[in-house]
Amino acid sequence: MRAAILDDYQNVARRLADWSTLPGVDVQVFTEPFASPQAAIAALKDFEIVVGMRERTPFPRATIAALPKLKLLITTGAKNNSFDLKAAAEHGVTVCGTGTVGAPTVGIAFGLMLELTRRIGFENQRMKAGEPWQVTLGRDLEGLTLGVVGFGKLGHRVASVAQAFGMKVIAWSQNLKAEDAEKAGVGYATKEALFREADIVTIHYALSDRSRGVVGAADLGRMKRDAYLINTARGPLVDEAALLAVLRDKKIAGAGLDVFDVEPLPVDHPFRSLDNVVLTPHLGYVSEQNYRVYFRDIVEDIRAFVDGKPVRVIS
């Protein structure tokens, strides 16, 4: 059998798991994104097993239907909204997932906050260039109000870290009740109040048809002129055109973005030229600890499937 490991941008898959436990399985690693769905289909047509890294390469119905040899499709993590599970089942394709570890996205969210407010990376570059001492006057996170949009597992973790920094935390989600926020030790706010009152808004929503564009122009328009927006969830949760407009017009202080509507972010995208935006290339789940669990479980998934006893099946 042939197995394709997709989108291993860091080229680390082979060293983070023991692939020798898969005798008879020819493993090929792809380190670059496919240029188009057609390019993906052409490259994968002879593989029985395909492993995706999150949503980097989607598998909609058309792609699955065009891969008649495909028997096993694996995603990192326990779910993947870019995989058409119904189409996979109809075409006899087993879909499996992996475990995860920790909450690495939380660290990226606060890294973006600290870069926006204290300019650590900016001053590091200046010092190494031999430029004059101290030009920034930053804002301490302590005493600021953090607005958490989406109060699930990650939202709770972010809130607890923010409180350790001495921040006031308020939260909103479509299904969040005031008593649940109180139990978690944070303030409940309406969506309108959160965007109006927060010094920093951080988004931790799952992307779905219902949540797409959950942060729109009206929400961004309510933010303080010295407030920041952090998005480490998914790009389409925020109206990109509206965000670009408030950033260009300096109607908010800035944004820290780890996720985008199109990934990898095009080299000519306007986000790259704005001096009030900090960008990272979707690093939220990209940690060594997480990857070790991903690839260990991928090997187990393949082994179990070959043995006729698939594990971690997603249906």
C-alpha atoms as a PDB file:
ATOM      1  CA  MET A   1       0.000   0.000   0.000  1.00  0.00           C
ATOM      2  CA  ARG A   2       1.076   3.574  -0.599  1.00  0.00           C
ATOM      3  CA  ALA A   3       0.595   6.294   2.012  1.00  0.00           C
ATOM      4  CA  ALA A   4       0.879  10.042   1.380  1.00  0.00           C
ATOM      5  CA  ILE A   5       1.725  12.387   4.267  1.00  0.00           C
ATOM      6  CA  LEU A   6       0.546  15.828   3.153  1.00  0.00           C
ATOM      7  CA  ASP A   7       1.644  19.356   3.952  1.00  0.00           C
ATOM      8  CA  ASP A   8       4.578  18.511   6.215  1.00  0.00           C
ATOM      9  CA  TYR A   9       5.866  22.082   5.858  1.00  0.00           C
ATOM     10  CA  GLN A  10       8.627  21.621   8.447  1.00  0.00           C
ATOM     11  CA  ASN A  11       9.662  18.224   6.993  1.00  0.00           C
ATOM     12  CA  VAL A  12       9.516  16.587  10.434  1.00  0.00           C
ATOM     13  CA  ALA A  13       7.071  13.690   9.979  1.00  0.00           C
ATOM     14  CA  ARG A  14       9.738  11.032   9.450  1.00  0.00           C
ATOM     15  CA  ARG A  15      11.687  11.893  12.609  1.00  0.00           C
ATOM     16  CA  LEU A  16       8.719  12.351  14.943  1.00  0.00           C
ATOM     17  CA  ALA A  17       7.359   8.804  14.656  1.00  0.00           C
ATOM     18  CA  ASP A  18       8.577   5.265  14.087  1.00  0.00           C
ATOM     19  CA  TRP A  19       7.453   4.459  10.544  1.00  0.00           C
ATOM     20  CA  SER A  20       9.425   1.187  10.552  1.00  0.00           C
ATOM     21  CA  THR A  21       6.427  -0.447  12.231  1.00  0.00           C
ATOM     22  CA  LEU A  22       4.587  -0.248   8.895  1.00  0.00           C
ATOM     23  CA  PRO A  23       6.235  -2.946   6.761  1.00  0.00           C
ATOM     24  CA  GLY A  24       4.745  -3.143   3.295  1.00  0.00           C
ATOM     25  CA  VAL A  25       3.527   0.457   3.396  1.00  0.00           C
ATOM     26  CA  ASP A  26       5.375   2.836   1.089  1.00  0.00           C
ATOM     27  CA  VAL A  27       5.285   6.252   2.777  1.00  0.00           C
ATOM     28  CA  GLN A  28       5.795   9.414   0.734  1.00  0.00           C
ATOM     29  CA  VAL A  29       5.975  12.847   2.377  1.00  0.00           C
ATOM     30  CA  PHE A  30       4.791  16.021   0.638  1.00  0.00           C
ATOM     31  CA  THR A  31       6.348  19.172   2.098  1.00  0.00           C
ATOM     32  CA  GLU A  32       4.735  21.779  -0.174  1.00  0.00           C
ATOM     33  CA  PRO A  33       1.061  22.756  -0.519  1.00  0.00           C
ATOM     34  CA  PHE A  34      -0.729  21.736  -3.689  1.00  0.00           C
ATOM     35  CA  ALA A  35      -1.363  24.570  -6.137  1.00  0.00           C
ATOM     36  CA  SER A  36      -4.981  23.507  -6.727  1.00  0.00           C
ATOM     37  CA  PRO A  37      -7.471  20.696  -6.067  1.00  0.00           C
ATOM     38  CA  GLN A  38      -6.622  19.338  -9.507  1.00  0.00           C
ATOM     39  CA  ALA A  39      -2.928  19.213  -8.574  1.00  0.00           C
ATOM     40  CA  ALA A  40      -3.780  17.340  -5.383  1.00  0.00           C
ATOM     41  CA  ILE A  41      -5.858  14.792  -7.289  1.00  0.00           C
ATOM     42  CA  ALA A  42      -3.097  14.252  -9.848  1.00  0.00           C
ATOM     43  CA  ALA A  43      -0.485  13.700  -7.127  1.00  0.00           C
ATOM     44  CA  LEU A  44      -2.608  11.390  -4.969  1.00  0.00           C
ATOM     45  CA  LYS A  45      -4.354   9.200  -7.543  1.00  0.00           C
ATOM     46  CA  ASP A  46      -2.162   6.157  -6.818  1.00  0.00           C
ATOM     47  CA  PHE A  47      -2.333   6.290  -3.010  1.00  0.00           C
ATOM     48  CA  GLU A  48      -4.574   4.076  -0.874  1.00  0.00           C
ATOM     49  CA  ILE A  49      -3.812   6.056   2.299  1.00  0.00           C
ATOM     50  CA  VAL A  50      -3.729   9.839   2.607  1.00  0.00           C
ATOM     51  CA  VAL A  51      -2.878  11.782   5.756  1.00  0.00           C
ATOM     52  CA  GLY A  52      -3.967  15.412   6.004  1.00  0.00           C
ATOM     53  CA  MET A  53      -2.571  18.054   8.354  1.00  0.00           C
ATOM     54  CA  ARG A  54      -5.635  19.856   9.722  1.00  0.00           C
ATOM     55  CA  GLU A  55      -7.389  21.781   6.907  1.00  0.00           C
ATOM     56  CA  ARG A  56      -4.272  22.521   4.852  1.00  0.00           C
ATOM     57  CA  THR A  57      -5.544  20.283   2.034  1.00  0.00           C
ATOM     58  CA  PRO A  58      -9.344  19.909   2.053  1.00  0.00           C
ATOM     59  CA  PHE A  59     -11.082  16.750   0.915  1.00  0.00           C
ATOM     60  CA  PRO A  60     -14.509  17.713  -0.407  1.00  0.00           C
ATOM     61  CA  ARG A  61     -16.741  15.299  -2.306  1.00  0.00           C
ATOM     62  CA  ALA A  62     -15.194  16.077  -5.700  1.00  0.00           C
ATOM     63  CA  THR A  63     -11.672  15.269  -4.509  1.00  0.00           C
ATOM     64  CA  ILE A  64     -12.702  12.042  -2.775  1.00  0.00           C
ATOM     65  CA  ALA A  65     -14.664  10.909  -5.826  1.00  0.00           C
ATOM     66  CA  ALA A  66     -11.622  11.513  -8.038  1.00  0.00           C
ATOM     67  CA  LEU A  67      -9.409   9.192  -5.974  1.00  0.00           C
ATOM     68  CA  PRO A  68     -10.765   5.674  -6.629  1.00  0.00           C
ATOM     69  CA  LYS A  69      -7.813   3.940  -4.918  1.00  0.00           C
ATOM     70  CA  LEU A  70      -8.278   5.851  -1.657  1.00  0.00           C
ATOM     71  CA  LYS A  71      -9.226   3.575   1.239  1.00  0.00           C
ATOM     72  CA  LEU A  72      -8.030   5.408   4.359  1.00  0.00           C
ATOM     73  CA  LEU A  73      -8.109   9.157   5.015  1.00  0.00           C
ATOM     74  CA  ILE A  74      -6.539  10.453   8.226  1.00  0.00           C
ATOM     75  CA  THR A  75      -6.749  13.890   9.775  1.00  0.00           C
ATOM     76  CA  THR A  76      -4.654  15.230  12.615  1.00  0.00           C
ATOM     77  CA  GLY A  77      -6.994  15.941  15.499  1.00  0.00           C
ATOM     78  CA  ALA A  78     -10.369  14.413  16.246  1.00  0.00           C
ATOM     79  CA  LYS A  79     -12.372  16.253  13.581  1.00  0.00           C
ATOM     80  CA  ASN A  80     -11.866  18.144  10.341  1.00  0.00           C
ATOM     81  CA  ASN A  81     -14.563  20.304   8.794  1.00  0.00           C
ATOM     82  CA  SER A  82     -12.760  20.293   5.445  1.00  0.00           C
ATOM     83  CA  PHE A  83     -13.245  16.515   5.056  1.00  0.00           C
ATOM     84  CA  ASP A  84     -16.589  15.428   3.570  1.00  0.00           C
ATOM     85  CA  LEU A  85     -17.371  12.475   5.836  1.00  0.00           C
ATOM     86  CA  LYS A  86     -20.573  11.591   4.006  1.00  0.00           C
ATOM     87  CA  ALA A  87     -18.788  11.408   0.669  1.00  0.00           C
ATOM     88  CA  ALA A  88     -16.014   9.340   2.233  1.00  0.00           C
ATOM     89  CA  ALA A  89     -18.518   6.822   3.579  1.00  0.00           C
ATOM     90  CA  GLU A  90     -20.320   6.608   0.231  1.00  0.00           C
ATOM     91  CA  HIS A  91     -17.016   5.854  -1.516  1.00  0.00           C
ATOM     92  CA  GLY A  92     -15.927   3.253   1.033  1.00  0.00           C
ATOM     93  CA  VAL A  93     -13.214   5.432   2.560  1.00  0.00           C
ATOM     94  CA  THR A  94     -12.487   5.033   6.275  1.00  0.00           C
ATOM     95  CA  VAL A  95     -11.699   8.320   8.045  1.00  0.00           C
ATOM     96  CA  CYS A  96      -9.588   8.304  11.211  1.00  0.00           C
ATOM     97  CA  GLY A  97      -8.245  10.993  13.513  1.00  0.00           C
ATOM     98  CA  THR A  98      -5.502  11.428  16.081  1.00  0.00           C
ATOM     99  CA  GLY A  99      -5.110  12.697  19.577  1.00  0.00           C
ATOM    100  CA  THR A 100      -3.755  16.114  20.539  1.00  0.00           C
ATOM    101  CA  VAL A 101      -1.888  17.428  23.552  1.00  0.00           C
ATOM    102  CA  GLY A 102      -2.162  20.630  25.528  1.00  0.00           C
ATOM    103  CA  ALA A 103      -3.463  23.893  24.131  1.00  0.00           C
ATOM    104  CA  PRO A 104      -0.579  25.365  22.095  1.00  0.00           C
ATOM    105  CA  THR A 105      -2.855  27.978  20.520  1.00  0.00           C
ATOM    106  CA  VAL A 106      -3.057  29.752  23.875  1.00  0.00           C
ATOM    107  CA  GLY A 107       0.653  30.568  23.789  1.00  0.00           C
ATOM    108  CA  ILE A 108       0.399  31.973  20.257  1.00  0.00           C
ATOM    109  CA  ALA A 109      -2.542  34.166  21.271  1.00  0.00           C
ATOM    110  CA  PHE A 110      -0.590  35.723  24.135  1.00  0.00           C
ATOM    111  CA  GLY A 111       2.551  35.964  22.038  1.00  0.00           C
ATOM    112  CA  LEU A 112       0.602  38.086  19.561  1.00  0.00           C
ATOM    113  CA  MET A 113      -0.813  40.207  22.381  1.00  0.00           C
ATOM    114  CA  LEU A 114       2.630  40.818  23.840  1.00  0.00           C
ATOM    115  CA  GLU A 115       4.154  41.705  20.483  1.00  0.00           C
ATOM    116  CA  LEU A 116       1.388  44.221  19.804  1.00  0.00           C
ATOM    117  CA  THR A 117       1.517  45.792  23.250  1.00  0.00           C
ATOM    118  CA  ARG A 118       5.219  45.543  24.192  1.00  0.00           C
ATOM    119  CA  ARG A 119       6.862  45.256  20.739  1.00  0.00           C
ATOM    120  CA  ILE A 120       9.374  42.607  21.816  1.00  0.00           C
ATOM    121  CA  GLY A 121      10.229  41.340  18.340  1.00  0.00           C
ATOM    122  CA  PHE A 122      10.342  44.854  16.938  1.00  0.00           C
ATOM    123  CA  GLU A 123      12.810  46.028  19.589  1.00  0.00           C
ATOM    124  CA  ASN A 124      14.851  42.843  19.176  1.00  0.00           C
ATOM    125  CA  GLN A 125      15.330  43.639  15.489  1.00  0.00           C
ATOM    126  CA  ARG A 126      16.256  47.249  16.288  1.00  0.00           C
ATOM    127  CA  MET A 127      18.863  46.236  18.857  1.00  0.00           C
ATOM    128  CA  LYS A 128      20.495  43.754  16.496  1.00  0.00           C
ATOM    129  CA  ALA A 129      20.607  46.471  13.842  1.00  0.00           C
ATOM    130  CA  GLY A 130      22.433  48.798  16.264  1.00  0.00           C
ATOM    131  CA  GLU A 131      19.620  51.356  16.321  1.00  0.00           C
ATOM    132  CA  PRO A 132      18.986  53.867  19.159  1.00  0.00           C
ATOM    133  CA  TRP A 133      17.951  52.588  22.575  1.00  0.00           C
ATOM    134  CA  GLN A 134      14.212  52.372  23.448  1.00  0.00           C
ATOM    135  CA  VAL A 135      11.778  53.968  21.039  1.00  0.00           C
ATOM    136  CA  THR A 136       8.556  52.201  22.062  1.00  0.00           C
ATOM    137  CA  LEU A 137       6.264  52.935  24.979  1.00  0.00           C
ATOM    138  CA  GLY A 138       4.247  49.774  25.492  1.00  0.00           C
ATOM    139  CA  ARG A 139       1.082  48.929  27.379  1.00  0.00           C
ATOM    140  CA  ASP A 140       1.134  46.353  30.159  1.00  0.00           C
ATOM    141  CA  LEU A 141      -1.515  43.614  29.929  1.00  0.00           C
ATOM    142  CA  GLU A 142      -2.226  43.993  33.634  1.00  0.00           C
ATOM    143  CA  GLY A 143      -5.358  46.050  34.144  1.00  0.00           C
ATOM    144  CA  LEU A 144      -6.565  45.736  30.550  1.00  0.00           C
ATOM    145  CA  THR A 145      -9.897  44.132  29.659  1.00  0.00           C
ATOM    146  CA  LEU A 146      -9.749  41.009  27.507  1.00  0.00           C
ATOM    147  CA  GLY A 147     -12.861  40.130  25.544  1.00  0.00           C
ATOM    148  CA  VAL A 148     -13.051  36.408  24.718  1.00  0.00           C
ATOM    149  CA  VAL A 149     -15.260  35.580  21.733  1.00  0.00           C
ATOM    150  CA  GLY A 150     -16.085  31.868  21.933  1.00  0.00           C
ATOM    151  CA  PHE A 151     -15.921  30.345  25.396  1.00  0.00           C
ATOM    152  CA  GLY A 152     -15.163  26.669  24.883  1.00  0.00           C
ATOM    153  CA  LYS A 153     -12.059  24.787  25.986  1.00  0.00           C
ATOM    154  CA  LEU A 154      -9.595  27.263  24.463  1.00  0.00           C
ATOM    155  CA  GLY A 155     -11.616  30.264  25.575  1.00  0.00           C
ATOM    156  CA  HIS A 156     -11.511  29.018  29.159  1.00  0.00           C
ATOM    157  CA  ARG A 157      -7.738  28.427  28.986  1.00  0.00           C
ATOM    158  CA  VAL A 158      -7.122  31.881  27.555  1.00  0.00           C
ATOM    159  CA  ALA A 159      -9.275  33.434  30.276  1.00  0.00           C
ATOM    160  CA  SER A 160      -7.288  31.730  33.040  1.00  0.00           C
ATOM    161  CA  VAL A 161      -3.963  32.870  31.576  1.00  0.00           C
ATOM    162  CA  ALA A 162      -5.285  36.408  31.164  1.00  0.00           C
ATOM    163  CA  GLN A 163      -6.302  36.469  34.827  1.00  0.00           C
ATOM    164  CA  ALA A 164      -2.780  35.403  35.772  1.00  0.00           C
ATOM    165  CA  PHE A 165      -1.567  38.486  33.883  1.00  0.00           C
ATOM    166  CA  GLY A 166      -3.939  40.585  35.971  1.00  0.00           C
ATOM    167  CA  MET A 167      -6.414  41.248  33.182  1.00  0.00           C
ATOM    168  CA  LYS A 168     -10.148  41.650  33.567  1.00  0.00           C
ATOM    169  CA  VAL A 169     -11.916  39.043  31.408  1.00  0.00           C
ATOM    170  CA  ILE A 170     -15.326  39.259  29.786  1.00  0.00           C
ATOM    171  CA  ALA A 171     -16.761  36.642  27.449  1.00  0.00           C
ATOM    172  CA  TRP A 172     -19.432  36.170  24.817  1.00  0.00           C
ATOM    173  CA  SER A 173     -20.545  33.197  22.759  1.00  0.00           C
ATOM    174  CA  GLN A 174     -23.813  32.467  20.979  1.00  0.00           C
ATOM    175  CA  ASN A 175     -24.720  29.839  23.578  1.00  0.00           C
ATOM    176  CA  LEU A 176     -22.971  31.254  26.646  1.00  0.00           C
ATOM    177  CA  LYS A 177     -25.189  32.004  29.629  1.00  0.00           C
ATOM    178  CA  ALA A 178     -24.407  34.571  32.306  1.00  0.00           C
ATOM    179  CA  GLU A 179     -24.397  31.943  35.063  1.00  0.00           C
ATOM    180  CA  ASP A 180     -21.876  29.799  33.165  1.00  0.00           C
ATOM    181  CA  ALA A 181     -19.553  32.761  32.753  1.00  0.00           C
ATOM    182  CA  GLU A 182     -19.869  33.518  36.452  1.00  0.00           C
ATOM    183  CA  LYS A 183     -18.985  29.911  37.338  1.00  0.00           C
ATOM    184  CA  ALA A 184     -15.826  30.262  35.228  1.00  0.00           C
ATOM    185  CA  GLY A 185     -14.892  33.434  37.089  1.00  0.00           C
ATOM    186  CA  VAL A 186     -15.317  35.805  34.132  1.00  0.00           C
ATOM    187  CA  GLY A 187     -17.772  38.530  33.313  1.00  0.00           C
ATOM    188  CA  TYR A 188     -20.595  37.911  30.860  1.00  0.00           C
ATOM    189  CA  ALA A 189     -21.111  40.506  28.146  1.00  0.00           C
ATOM    190  CA  THR A 190     -23.376  40.894  25.182  1.00  0.00           C
ATOM    191  CA  LYS A 191     -21.557  40.797  21.888  1.00  0.00           C
ATOM    192  CA  GLU A 192     -22.025  44.535  21.450  1.00  0.00           C
ATOM    193  CA  ALA A 193     -20.738  45.333  24.930  1.00  0.00           C
ATOM    194  CA  LEU A 194     -17.711  43.072  24.557  1.00  0.00           C
ATOM    195  CA  PHE A 195     -16.466  44.794  21.417  1.00  0.00           C
ATOM    196  CA  ARG A 196     -17.189  48.206  22.920  1.00  0.00           C
ATOM    197  CA  GLU A 197     -15.465  47.605  26.274  1.00  0.00           C
ATOM    198  CA  ALA A 198     -12.521  45.281  25.547  1.00  0.00           C
ATOM    199  CA  ASP A 199      -8.976  46.567  25.167  1.00  0.00           C
ATOM    200  CA  ILE A 200      -8.103  43.307  23.416  1.00  0.00           C
ATOM    201  CA  VAL A 201     -10.569  40.985  21.672  1.00  0.00           C
ATOM    202  CA  THR A 202      -9.433  37.394  21.136  1.00  0.00           C
ATOM    203  CA  ILE A 203     -11.388  34.903  19.021  1.00  0.00           C
ATOM    204  CA  HIS A 204     -11.700  31.209  19.911  1.00  0.00           C
ATOM    205  CA  TYR A 205     -14.664  30.035  17.854  1.00  0.00           C
ATOM    206  CA  ALA A 206     -14.973  26.868  15.792  1.00  0.00           C
ATOM    207  CA  LEU A 207     -15.611  27.635  12.126  1.00  0.00           C
ATOM    208  CA  SER A 208     -18.962  26.489  10.777  1.00  0.00           C
ATOM    209  CA  ASP A 209     -21.619  27.802   8.420  1.00  0.00           C
ATOM    210  CA  ARG A 210     -23.243  29.484  11.400  1.00  0.00           C
ATOM    211  CA  SER A 211     -20.074  31.142  12.703  1.00  0.00           C
ATOM    212  CA  ARG A 212     -18.578  32.245   9.385  1.00  0.00           C
ATOM    213  CA  GLY A 213     -18.279  36.052   9.562  1.00  0.00           C
ATOM    214  CA  VAL A 214     -19.306  36.075  13.232  1.00  0.00           C
ATOM    215  CA  VAL A 215     -17.100  39.167  13.634  1.00  0.00           C
ATOM    216  CA  GLY A 216     -18.341  41.708  11.128  1.00  0.00           C
ATOM    217  CA  ALA A 217     -17.986  45.377  10.276  1.00  0.00           C
ATOM    218  CA  ALA A 218     -20.448  46.470  12.963  1.00  0.00           C
ATOM    219  CA  ASP A 219     -18.475  44.616  15.654  1.00  0.00           C
ATOM    220  CA  LEU A 220     -15.148  46.057  14.530  1.00  0.00           C
ATOM    221  CA  GLY A 221     -16.733  49.488  14.370  1.00  0.00           C
ATOM    222  CA  ARG A 222     -17.577  49.323  18.072  1.00  0.00           C
ATOM    223  CA  MET A 223     -13.965  48.713  19.144  1.00  0.00           C
ATOM    224  CA  LYS A 224     -11.913  51.397  20.868  1.00  0.00           C
ATOM    225  CA  ARG A 225      -9.374  53.219  18.733  1.00  0.00           C
ATOM    226  CA  ASP A 226      -6.586  51.868  20.984  1.00  0.00           C
ATOM    227  CA  ALA A 227      -7.926  48.276  21.067  1.00  0.00           C
ATOM    228  CA  TYR A 228      -6.459  45.180  19.410  1.00  0.00           C
ATOM    229  CA  LEU A 229      -8.003  42.150  17.712  1.00  0.00           C
ATOM    230  CA  ILE A 230      -6.399  38.687  18.010  1.00  0.00           C
ATOM    231  CA  ASN A 231      -7.461  35.819  15.760  1.00  0.00           C
ATOM    232  CA  THR A 232      -5.874  32.396  16.278  1.00  0.00           C
ATOM    233  CA  ALA A 233      -9.046  30.457  15.419  1.00  0.00           C
ATOM    234  CA  ARG A 234      -9.920  30.573  11.689  1.00  0.00           C
ATOM    235  CA  GLY A 235      -9.647  33.416   9.199  1.00  0.00           C
ATOM    236  CA  PRO A 236     -13.229  33.338   7.835  1.00  0.00           C
ATOM    237  CA  LEU A 237     -14.638  33.992  11.307  1.00  0.00           C
ATOM    238  CA  VAL A 238     -13.778  37.655  10.692  1.00  0.00           C
ATOM    239  CA  ASP A 239     -14.962  39.761   7.770  1.00  0.00           C
ATOM    240  CA  GLU A 240     -11.558  40.275   6.128  1.00  0.00           C
ATOM    241  CA  ALA A 241     -12.520  43.334   4.094  1.00  0.00           C
ATOM    242  CA  ALA A 242     -13.948  45.045   7.178  1.00  0.00           C
ATOM    243  CA  LEU A 243     -10.829  44.220   9.208  1.00  0.00           C
ATOM    244  CA  LEU A 244      -8.553  45.612   6.506  1.00  0.00           C
ATOM    245  CA  ALA A 245     -10.615  48.809   6.442  1.00  0.00           C
ATOM    246  CA  VAL A 246     -10.373  49.511  10.190  1.00  0.00           C
ATOM    247  CA  LEU A 247      -6.658  48.689  10.196  1.00  0.00           C
ATOM    248  CA  ARG A 248      -5.855  50.914   7.222  1.00  0.00           C
ATOM    249  CA  ASP A 249      -7.878  53.784   8.674  1.00  0.00           C
ATOM    250  CA  LYS A 250      -6.307  53.245  12.130  1.00  0.00           C
ATOM    251  CA  LYS A 251      -9.754  52.912  13.679  1.00  0.00           C
ATOM    252  CA  ILE A 252      -8.289  50.209  15.936  1.00  0.00           C
ATOM    253  CA  ALA A 253      -4.722  50.037  17.213  1.00  0.00           C
ATOM    254  CA  GLY A 254      -3.843  46.802  15.468  1.00  0.00           C
ATOM    255  CA  ALA A 255      -4.358  43.086  15.007  1.00  0.00           C
ATOM    256  CA  GLY A 256      -2.466  39.874  15.697  1.00  0.00           C
ATOM    257  CA  LEU A 257      -3.364  37.236  13.118  1.00  0.00           C
ATOM    258  CA  ASP A 258      -2.352  33.585  12.972  1.00  0.00           C
ATOM    259  CA  VAL A 259      -5.102  32.510  10.552  1.00  0.00           C
ATOM    260  CA  PHE A 260      -6.353  33.770   7.201  1.00  0.00           C
ATOM    261  CA  ASP A 261      -9.074  33.278   4.607  1.00  0.00           C
ATOM    262  CA  VAL A 262      -6.520  31.791   2.199  1.00  0.00           C
ATOM    263  CA  GLU A 263      -3.564  29.803   3.512  1.00  0.00           C
ATOM    264  CA  PRO A 264      -0.674  30.017   2.893  1.00  0.00           C
ATOM    265  CA  LEU A 265      -1.227  33.774   2.859  1.00  0.00           C
ATOM    266  CA  PRO A 266      -0.515  35.133  -0.649  1.00  0.00           C
ATOM    267  CA  VAL A 267       2.750  37.076  -0.839  1.00  0.00           C
ATOM    268  CA  ASP A 268       0.948  40.159  -2.167  1.00  0.00           C
ATOM    269  CA  HIS A 269      -1.768  40.179   0.497  1.00  0.00           C
ATOM    270  CA  PRO A 270      -2.314  43.652   2.016  1.00  0.00           C
ATOM    271  CA  PHE A 271      -1.966  42.313   5.575  1.00  0.00           C
ATOM    272  CA  ARG A 272       1.750  41.919   4.869  1.00  0.00           C
ATOM    273  CA  SER A 273       2.236  45.641   4.301  1.00  0.00           C
ATOM    274  CA  LEU A 274       0.396  47.035   7.343  1.00  0.00           C
ATOM    275  CA  ASP A 275       2.606  48.254  10.186  1.00  0.00           C
ATOM    276  CA  ASN A 276      -0.126  47.751  12.803  1.00  0.00           C
ATOM    277  CA  VAL A 277      -0.507  44.027  12.113  1.00  0.00           C
ATOM    278  CA  VAL A 278       1.541  41.149  13.554  1.00  0.00           C
ATOM    279  CA  LEU A 279       1.392  37.982  11.443  1.00  0.00           C
ATOM    280  CA  THR A 280       2.273  34.371  12.161  1.00  0.00           C
ATOM    281  CA  PRO A 281       1.796  31.476   9.688  1.00  0.00           C
ATOM    282  CA  HIS A 282      -0.945  29.484  11.478  1.00  0.00           C
ATOM    283  CA  LEU A 283       1.311  28.294  14.282  1.00  0.00           C
ATOM    284  CA  GLY A 284      -1.526  27.696  16.758  1.00  0.00           C
ATOM    285  CA  TYR A 285      -1.339  23.900  16.718  1.00  0.00           C
ATOM    286  CA  VAL A 286       2.256  23.663  15.471  1.00  0.00           C
ATOM    287  CA  SER A 287       4.222  22.546  18.517  1.00  0.00           C
ATOM    288  CA  GLU A 288       6.667  19.672  18.859  1.00  0.00           C
ATOM    289  CA  GLN A 289       4.611  18.027  21.602  1.00  0.00           C
ATOM    290  CA  ASN A 290       1.451  18.177  19.493  1.00  0.00           C
ATOM    291  CA  TYR A 291       3.183  16.911  16.357  1.00  0.00           C
ATOM    292  CA  ARG A 292       4.672  13.951  18.238  1.00  0.00           C
ATOM    293  CA  VAL A 293       1.161  12.878  19.244  1.00  0.00           C
ATOM    294  CA  TYR A 294      -0.160  13.495  15.723  1.00  0.00           C
ATOM    295  CA  PHE A 295       2.415  11.369  13.932  1.00  0.00           C
ATOM    296  CA  ARG A 296       2.533   8.639  16.589  1.00  0.00           C
ATOM    297  CA  ASP A 297      -1.221   8.216  16.243  1.00  0.00           C
ATOM    298  CA  ILE A 298      -1.042   8.359  12.450  1.00  0.00           C
ATOM    299  CA  VAL A 299       1.302   5.369  12.475  1.00  0.00           C
ATOM    300  CA  GLU A 300      -1.088   3.553  14.834  1.00  0.00           C
ATOM    301  CA  ASP A 301      -4.065   4.419  12.593  1.00  0.00           C
ATOM    302  CA  ILE A 302      -2.342   3.008   9.520  1.00  0.00           C
ATOM    303  CA  ARG A 303      -1.172  -0.116  11.335  1.00  0.00           C
ATOM    304  CA  ALA A 304      -4.638  -0.810  12.713  1.00  0.00           C
ATOM    305  CA  PHE A 305      -6.275  -0.249   9.316  1.00  0.00           C
ATOM    306  CA  VAL A 306      -3.843  -2.608   7.586  1.00  0.00           C
ATOM    307  CA  ASP A 307      -4.622  -5.188  10.280  1.00  0.00           C
ATOM    308  CA  GLY A 308      -8.357  -4.801   9.586  1.00  0.00           C
ATOM    309  CA  LYS A 309      -9.114  -3.189  12.974  1.00  0.00           C
ATOM    310  CA  PRO A 310      -9.252   0.593  12.386  1.00  0.00           C
ATOM    311  CA  VAL A 311      -9.045   2.867  15.432  1.00  0.00           C
ATOM    312  CA  ARG A 312     -10.119   6.454  16.128  1.00  0.00           C
ATOM    313  CA  VAL A 313     -12.659   6.217  13.316  1.00  0.00           C
ATOM    314  CA  ILE A 314     -14.556   9.457  12.598  1.00  0.00           C
ATOM    315  CA  SER A 315     -18.080   8.986  11.280  1.00  0.00           C
END
